[in-house]
Amino acid sequence: MARTRSQDYESIKMTILDRAAELFARKGFADTSIVEISEASGLSKSGIYHYFKSKHDVLNTMVSEHVEMVFDVVSAALQTSLDPVEQFETLTAMLLETYSRSKNRHAVMMNDLDSLRERERERIVDLERRVVKFTEGVIEKINPDLLSDPAFRRPAVMLFYGMINWTYTWYDQNRGVNPRQLARMAAGIFLNGLLATRIGDINSCK
């Protein structure tokens, strides 16, 4: 007979993931033990194994859920308006709000992706590529001149994500700037530069 789940199964599982994310973000996946996760979660070691097969399973679940959430955020942002500038502004705001709520999980995704098995990592990378592709489409609509030279499409998108993805290393919303204000600032800085960018001007630097 299959063992039934307790009513608080999902909340306990979430607690384990949250505590593990704090530890992985601070110490790194490799230097964190399953005992430390159990102590931080207020469970026995065997209690952790009731929810996860291994420390590796904790990492895979954590990173998978985070990148899936980012994918859903980007997809939702593209449905908010037909205007590409508004889409981009909404996308930036939703990403930064998501990252600020899940700062530790985002840090783990950025730093410990290589600790996943190849097949698991490929699934995460595939979702990340789809996120980049969606964003690339919005940026091309804002600046159609990027279509004149495909070589510049990816750099434009990666410059944006280079600015957004690493905010967790320095951003503290308790210091006076909330995530939506930061998003407005980031979108403004990127868009004003993007709107003024012409491929011909860049190529003249060769």
C-alpha atoms as a PDB file:
ATOM      1  CA  MET A   1       0.000   0.000   0.000  1.00  0.00           C
ATOM      2  CA  ALA A   2       1.408   3.375  -1.029  1.00  0.00           C
ATOM      3  CA  ARG A   3       2.337   5.763   1.758  1.00  0.00           C
ATOM      4  CA  THR A   4       0.063   8.816   1.834  1.00  0.00           C
ATOM      5  CA  ARG A   5       1.523  12.301   2.018  1.00  0.00           C
ATOM      6  CA  SER A   6       0.884  14.509   5.017  1.00  0.00           C
ATOM      7  CA  GLN A   7      -1.074  17.716   4.504  1.00  0.00           C
ATOM      8  CA  ASP A   8       2.050  19.779   5.113  1.00  0.00           C
ATOM      9  CA  TYR A   9       4.246  17.735   2.745  1.00  0.00           C
ATOM     10  CA  GLU A  10       4.677  20.544   0.198  1.00  0.00           C
ATOM     11  CA  SER A  11       5.374  23.204   2.834  1.00  0.00           C
ATOM     12  CA  ILE A  12       8.048  21.034   4.459  1.00  0.00           C
ATOM     13  CA  LYS A  13       9.570  20.302   1.061  1.00  0.00           C
ATOM     14  CA  MET A  14       9.655  24.042   0.350  1.00  0.00           C
ATOM     15  CA  THR A  15      11.353  24.686   3.694  1.00  0.00           C
ATOM     16  CA  ILE A  16      14.054  22.158   2.843  1.00  0.00           C
ATOM     17  CA  LEU A  17      14.641  23.811  -0.526  1.00  0.00           C
ATOM     18  CA  ASP A  18      14.771  27.278   1.049  1.00  0.00           C
ATOM     19  CA  ARG A  19      17.240  26.245   3.749  1.00  0.00           C
ATOM     20  CA  ALA A  20      19.358  24.334   1.251  1.00  0.00           C
ATOM     21  CA  ALA A  21      19.376  27.335  -1.091  1.00  0.00           C
ATOM     22  CA  GLU A  22      20.701  29.512   1.731  1.00  0.00           C
ATOM     23  CA  LEU A  23      23.475  27.033   2.419  1.00  0.00           C
ATOM     24  CA  PHE A  24      24.372  26.424  -1.234  1.00  0.00           C
ATOM     25  CA  ALA A  25      24.426  30.165  -1.942  1.00  0.00           C
ATOM     26  CA  ARG A  26      26.720  30.825   1.026  1.00  0.00           C
ATOM     27  CA  LYS A  27      28.979  27.753   0.994  1.00  0.00           C
ATOM     28  CA  GLY A  28      28.508  26.213  -2.420  1.00  0.00           C
ATOM     29  CA  PHE A  29      26.861  22.900  -3.265  1.00  0.00           C
ATOM     30  CA  ALA A  30      30.014  20.798  -2.918  1.00  0.00           C
ATOM     31  CA  ASP A  31      30.844  22.119   0.555  1.00  0.00           C
ATOM     32  CA  THR A  32      27.350  21.651   1.990  1.00  0.00           C
ATOM     33  CA  SER A  33      26.429  18.334   3.602  1.00  0.00           C
ATOM     34  CA  ILE A  34      23.049  16.659   3.849  1.00  0.00           C
ATOM     35  CA  VAL A  35      23.455  16.845   7.659  1.00  0.00           C
ATOM     36  CA  GLU A  36      23.738  20.636   7.463  1.00  0.00           C
ATOM     37  CA  ILE A  37      20.589  20.760   5.336  1.00  0.00           C
ATOM     38  CA  SER A  38      18.714  18.582   7.822  1.00  0.00           C
ATOM     39  CA  GLU A  39      19.818  20.701  10.788  1.00  0.00           C
ATOM     40  CA  ALA A  40      18.887  23.945   9.039  1.00  0.00           C
ATOM     41  CA  SER A  41      15.488  22.468   8.114  1.00  0.00           C
ATOM     42  CA  GLY A  42      14.766  21.149  11.610  1.00  0.00           C
ATOM     43  CA  LEU A  43      14.573  17.567  10.355  1.00  0.00           C
ATOM     44  CA  SER A  44      16.555  14.394  10.808  1.00  0.00           C
ATOM     45  CA  LYS A  45      18.792  13.166   8.015  1.00  0.00           C
ATOM     46  CA  SER A  46      16.284  10.396   7.295  1.00  0.00           C
ATOM     47  CA  GLY A  47      13.578  13.058   7.266  1.00  0.00           C
ATOM     48  CA  ILE A  48      15.311  14.794   4.353  1.00  0.00           C
ATOM     49  CA  TYR A  49      15.409  11.499   2.462  1.00  0.00           C
ATOM     50  CA  HIS A  50      11.647  11.247   2.794  1.00  0.00           C
ATOM     51  CA  TYR A  51      11.401  14.271   0.491  1.00  0.00           C
ATOM     52  CA  PHE A  52      14.550  13.962  -1.636  1.00  0.00           C
ATOM     53  CA  LYS A  53      16.605  10.998  -2.785  1.00  0.00           C
ATOM     54  CA  SER A  54      19.906  12.798  -2.258  1.00  0.00           C
ATOM     55  CA  LYS A  55      21.636  16.157  -1.900  1.00  0.00           C
ATOM     56  CA  HIS A  56      21.947  16.114  -5.675  1.00  0.00           C
ATOM     57  CA  ASP A  57      18.172  15.679  -5.980  1.00  0.00           C
ATOM     58  CA  VAL A  58      17.735  18.777  -3.789  1.00  0.00           C
ATOM     59  CA  LEU A  59      19.939  20.776  -6.147  1.00  0.00           C
ATOM     60  CA  ASN A  60      18.252  19.520  -9.298  1.00  0.00           C
ATOM     61  CA  THR A  61      14.777  20.249  -7.938  1.00  0.00           C
ATOM     62  CA  MET A  62      15.816  23.704  -6.756  1.00  0.00           C
ATOM     63  CA  VAL A  63      17.445  24.785 -10.016  1.00  0.00           C
ATOM     64  CA  SER A  64      14.742  23.210 -12.195  1.00  0.00           C
ATOM     65  CA  GLU A  65      11.930  24.965 -10.346  1.00  0.00           C
ATOM     66  CA  HIS A  66      13.770  28.278 -10.485  1.00  0.00           C
ATOM     67  CA  VAL A  67      14.500  28.229 -14.211  1.00  0.00           C
ATOM     68  CA  GLU A  68      10.942  27.048 -14.913  1.00  0.00           C
ATOM     69  CA  MET A  69       9.665  30.026 -12.932  1.00  0.00           C
ATOM     70  CA  VAL A  70      11.909  32.378 -14.935  1.00  0.00           C
ATOM     71  CA  PHE A  71      10.632  30.827 -18.164  1.00  0.00           C
ATOM     72  CA  ASP A  72       7.023  31.352 -17.029  1.00  0.00           C
ATOM     73  CA  VAL A  73       7.802  34.963 -16.061  1.00  0.00           C
ATOM     74  CA  VAL A  74       9.227  35.738 -19.491  1.00  0.00           C
ATOM     75  CA  SER A  75       6.314  34.038 -21.239  1.00  0.00           C
ATOM     76  CA  ALA A  76       3.811  35.987 -19.133  1.00  0.00           C
ATOM     77  CA  ALA A  77       5.598  39.292 -19.750  1.00  0.00           C
ATOM     78  CA  LEU A  78       5.270  38.850 -23.500  1.00  0.00           C
ATOM     79  CA  GLN A  79       1.492  38.533 -23.134  1.00  0.00           C
ATOM     80  CA  THR A  80       1.031  41.827 -21.292  1.00  0.00           C
ATOM     81  CA  SER A  81       1.167  44.182 -24.282  1.00  0.00           C
ATOM     82  CA  LEU A  82       1.592  44.316 -28.032  1.00  0.00           C
ATOM     83  CA  ASP A  83       4.060  47.190 -27.694  1.00  0.00           C
ATOM     84  CA  PRO A  84       7.621  45.794 -27.569  1.00  0.00           C
ATOM     85  CA  VAL A  85       8.937  48.591 -25.340  1.00  0.00           C
ATOM     86  CA  GLU A  86       6.182  47.914 -22.797  1.00  0.00           C
ATOM     87  CA  GLN A  87       6.890  44.191 -23.089  1.00  0.00           C
ATOM     88  CA  PHE A  88      10.559  44.807 -22.382  1.00  0.00           C
ATOM     89  CA  GLU A  89       9.853  47.068 -19.409  1.00  0.00           C
ATOM     90  CA  THR A  90       7.433  44.502 -17.957  1.00  0.00           C
ATOM     91  CA  LEU A  91       9.890  41.684 -18.603  1.00  0.00           C
ATOM     92  CA  THR A  92      12.666  43.544 -16.776  1.00  0.00           C
ATOM     93  CA  ALA A  93      10.405  44.316 -13.815  1.00  0.00           C
ATOM     94  CA  MET A  94       9.101  40.766 -13.514  1.00  0.00           C
ATOM     95  CA  LEU A  95      12.590  39.268 -13.754  1.00  0.00           C
ATOM     96  CA  LEU A  96      14.078  41.512 -11.079  1.00  0.00           C
ATOM     97  CA  GLU A  97      11.126  40.975  -8.761  1.00  0.00           C
ATOM     98  CA  THR A  98      11.500  37.215  -9.242  1.00  0.00           C
ATOM     99  CA  TYR A  99      15.236  37.338  -8.624  1.00  0.00           C
ATOM    100  CA  SER A 100      14.807  39.466  -5.502  1.00  0.00           C
ATOM    101  CA  ARG A 101      12.261  36.999  -4.070  1.00  0.00           C
ATOM    102  CA  SER A 102      14.440  34.015  -4.942  1.00  0.00           C
ATOM    103  CA  LYS A 103      17.887  35.525  -4.462  1.00  0.00           C
ATOM    104  CA  ASN A 104      19.482  32.385  -3.028  1.00  0.00           C
ATOM    105  CA  ARG A 105      18.024  30.042  -5.630  1.00  0.00           C
ATOM    106  CA  HIS A 106      19.106  32.365  -8.406  1.00  0.00           C
ATOM    107  CA  ALA A 107      22.634  32.453  -6.977  1.00  0.00           C
ATOM    108  CA  VAL A 108      22.698  28.656  -6.887  1.00  0.00           C
ATOM    109  CA  MET A 109      21.554  28.445 -10.500  1.00  0.00           C
ATOM    110  CA  MET A 110      24.270  30.860 -11.562  1.00  0.00           C
ATOM    111  CA  ASN A 111      27.060  29.224  -9.548  1.00  0.00           C
ATOM    112  CA  ASP A 112      26.299  25.501  -9.269  1.00  0.00           C
ATOM    113  CA  LEU A 113      24.781  24.559 -12.614  1.00  0.00           C
ATOM    114  CA  ASP A 114      27.866  22.505 -13.463  1.00  0.00           C
ATOM    115  CA  SER A 115      27.189  20.282 -10.445  1.00  0.00           C
ATOM    116  CA  LEU A 116      24.154  18.823 -12.204  1.00  0.00           C
ATOM    117  CA  ARG A 117      24.397  15.708 -14.330  1.00  0.00           C
ATOM    118  CA  GLU A 118      24.784  16.302 -18.056  1.00  0.00           C
ATOM    119  CA  ARG A 119      21.184  15.420 -18.952  1.00  0.00           C
ATOM    120  CA  GLU A 120      19.793  17.588 -16.145  1.00  0.00           C
ATOM    121  CA  ARG A 121      22.071  20.460 -17.094  1.00  0.00           C
ATOM    122  CA  GLU A 122      21.067  20.217 -20.758  1.00  0.00           C
ATOM    123  CA  ARG A 123      17.402  20.581 -19.791  1.00  0.00           C
ATOM    124  CA  ILE A 124      18.157  23.724 -17.777  1.00  0.00           C
ATOM    125  CA  VAL A 125      20.305  25.187 -20.544  1.00  0.00           C
ATOM    126  CA  ASP A 126      17.569  24.479 -23.098  1.00  0.00           C
ATOM    127  CA  LEU A 127      15.068  26.472 -21.033  1.00  0.00           C
ATOM    128  CA  GLU A 128      17.601  29.281 -20.647  1.00  0.00           C
ATOM    129  CA  ARG A 129      18.089  29.355 -24.414  1.00  0.00           C
ATOM    130  CA  ARG A 130      14.347  29.646 -24.926  1.00  0.00           C
ATOM    131  CA  VAL A 131      14.244  32.552 -22.484  1.00  0.00           C
ATOM    132  CA  VAL A 132      17.058  34.245 -24.412  1.00  0.00           C
ATOM    133  CA  LYS A 133      15.264  33.597 -27.714  1.00  0.00           C
ATOM    134  CA  PHE A 134      12.043  35.186 -26.434  1.00  0.00           C
ATOM    135  CA  THR A 135      13.952  38.225 -25.222  1.00  0.00           C
ATOM    136  CA  GLU A 136      15.869  38.432 -28.494  1.00  0.00           C
ATOM    137  CA  GLY A 137      12.562  38.708 -30.345  1.00  0.00           C
ATOM    138  CA  VAL A 138      11.440  41.651 -28.206  1.00  0.00           C
ATOM    139  CA  ILE A 139      14.764  43.453 -28.615  1.00  0.00           C
ATOM    140  CA  GLU A 140      14.670  43.006 -32.383  1.00  0.00           C
ATOM    141  CA  LYS A 141      11.210  44.584 -32.481  1.00  0.00           C
ATOM    142  CA  ILE A 142      12.509  47.554 -30.503  1.00  0.00           C
ATOM    143  CA  ASN A 143      15.525  47.963 -32.771  1.00  0.00           C
ATOM    144  CA  PRO A 144      14.833  46.326 -36.176  1.00  0.00           C
ATOM    145  CA  ASP A 145      18.277  47.467 -37.329  1.00  0.00           C
ATOM    146  CA  LEU A 146      19.661  44.486 -35.420  1.00  0.00           C
ATOM    147  CA  LEU A 147      18.070  42.284 -38.081  1.00  0.00           C
ATOM    148  CA  SER A 148      20.473  43.705 -40.670  1.00  0.00           C
ATOM    149  CA  ASP A 149      23.359  41.781 -39.103  1.00  0.00           C
ATOM    150  CA  PRO A 150      22.456  38.577 -37.200  1.00  0.00           C
ATOM    151  CA  ALA A 151      25.881  38.576 -35.526  1.00  0.00           C
ATOM    152  CA  PHE A 152      24.708  41.360 -33.210  1.00  0.00           C
ATOM    153  CA  ARG A 153      21.481  39.736 -31.990  1.00  0.00           C
ATOM    154  CA  ARG A 154      22.951  37.517 -29.289  1.00  0.00           C
ATOM    155  CA  PRO A 155      25.394  40.137 -27.933  1.00  0.00           C
ATOM    156  CA  ALA A 156      22.484  42.566 -27.476  1.00  0.00           C
ATOM    157  CA  VAL A 157      20.489  40.022 -25.476  1.00  0.00           C
ATOM    158  CA  MET A 158      23.461  38.820 -23.446  1.00  0.00           C
ATOM    159  CA  LEU A 159      24.436  42.377 -22.534  1.00  0.00           C
ATOM    160  CA  PHE A 160      20.948  42.743 -21.075  1.00  0.00           C
ATOM    161  CA  TYR A 161      21.095  39.485 -19.132  1.00  0.00           C
ATOM    162  CA  GLY A 162      24.632  40.268 -18.050  1.00  0.00           C
ATOM    163  CA  MET A 163      23.232  43.382 -16.412  1.00  0.00           C
ATOM    164  CA  ILE A 164      20.157  41.677 -14.906  1.00  0.00           C
ATOM    165  CA  ASN A 165      21.333  38.212 -13.879  1.00  0.00           C
ATOM    166  CA  TRP A 166      24.146  39.335 -11.584  1.00  0.00           C
ATOM    167  CA  THR A 167      22.207  41.867  -9.536  1.00  0.00           C
ATOM    168  CA  TYR A 168      22.006  39.269  -6.750  1.00  0.00           C
ATOM    169  CA  THR A 169      25.718  39.861  -6.051  1.00  0.00           C
ATOM    170  CA  TRP A 170      25.172  43.456  -4.943  1.00  0.00           C
ATOM    171  CA  TYR A 171      21.485  44.410  -4.816  1.00  0.00           C
ATOM    172  CA  ASP A 172      19.826  44.904  -1.426  1.00  0.00           C
ATOM    173  CA  GLN A 173      16.245  46.169  -1.579  1.00  0.00           C
ATOM    174  CA  ASN A 174      16.506  47.247   2.055  1.00  0.00           C
ATOM    175  CA  ARG A 175      18.803  50.088   1.033  1.00  0.00           C
ATOM    176  CA  GLY A 176      16.114  52.293  -0.447  1.00  0.00           C
ATOM    177  CA  VAL A 177      15.532  51.060  -4.009  1.00  0.00           C
ATOM    178  CA  ASN A 178      12.780  48.487  -4.432  1.00  0.00           C
ATOM    179  CA  PRO A 179      12.824  45.884  -7.249  1.00  0.00           C
ATOM    180  CA  ARG A 180      10.343  47.791  -9.425  1.00  0.00           C
ATOM    181  CA  GLN A 181      12.363  51.001  -9.126  1.00  0.00           C
ATOM    182  CA  LEU A 182      15.526  49.107  -9.988  1.00  0.00           C
ATOM    183  CA  ALA A 183      13.778  47.538 -12.976  1.00  0.00           C
ATOM    184  CA  ARG A 184      12.633  50.932 -14.240  1.00  0.00           C
ATOM    185  CA  MET A 185      16.198  52.204 -13.938  1.00  0.00           C
ATOM    186  CA  ALA A 186      17.693  49.145 -15.665  1.00  0.00           C
ATOM    187  CA  ALA A 187      15.155  49.172 -18.497  1.00  0.00           C
ATOM    188  CA  GLY A 188      15.656  52.892 -19.004  1.00  0.00           C
ATOM    189  CA  ILE A 189      19.435  52.610 -19.179  1.00  0.00           C
ATOM    190  CA  PHE A 190      19.313  49.663 -21.562  1.00  0.00           C
ATOM    191  CA  LEU A 191      16.512  50.969 -23.763  1.00  0.00           C
ATOM    192  CA  ASN A 192      17.939  54.439 -24.200  1.00  0.00           C
ATOM    193  CA  GLY A 193      21.171  52.916 -25.338  1.00  0.00           C
ATOM    194  CA  LEU A 194      19.380  50.335 -27.463  1.00  0.00           C
ATOM    195  CA  LEU A 195      17.215  52.885 -29.233  1.00  0.00           C
ATOM    196  CA  ALA A 196      20.301  54.891 -30.156  1.00  0.00           C
ATOM    197  CA  THR A 197      22.315  51.908 -31.385  1.00  0.00           C
ATOM    198  CA  ARG A 198      22.856  51.490 -35.109  1.00  0.00           C
ATOM    199  CA  ILE A 199      24.708  48.542 -36.608  1.00  0.00           C
ATOM    200  CA  GLY A 200      26.435  50.834 -39.085  1.00  0.00           C
ATOM    201  CA  ASP A 201      27.953  52.835 -36.228  1.00  0.00           C
ATOM    202  CA  ILE A 202      29.220  49.640 -34.576  1.00  0.00           C
ATOM    203  CA  ASN A 203      30.657  48.271 -37.826  1.00  0.00           C
ATOM    204  CA  SER A 204      32.539  51.528 -38.377  1.00  0.00           C
ATOM    205  CA  CYS A 205      34.712  50.559 -35.400  1.00  0.00           C
ATOM    206  CA  LYS A 206      36.263  47.652 -37.304  1.00  0.00           C
END
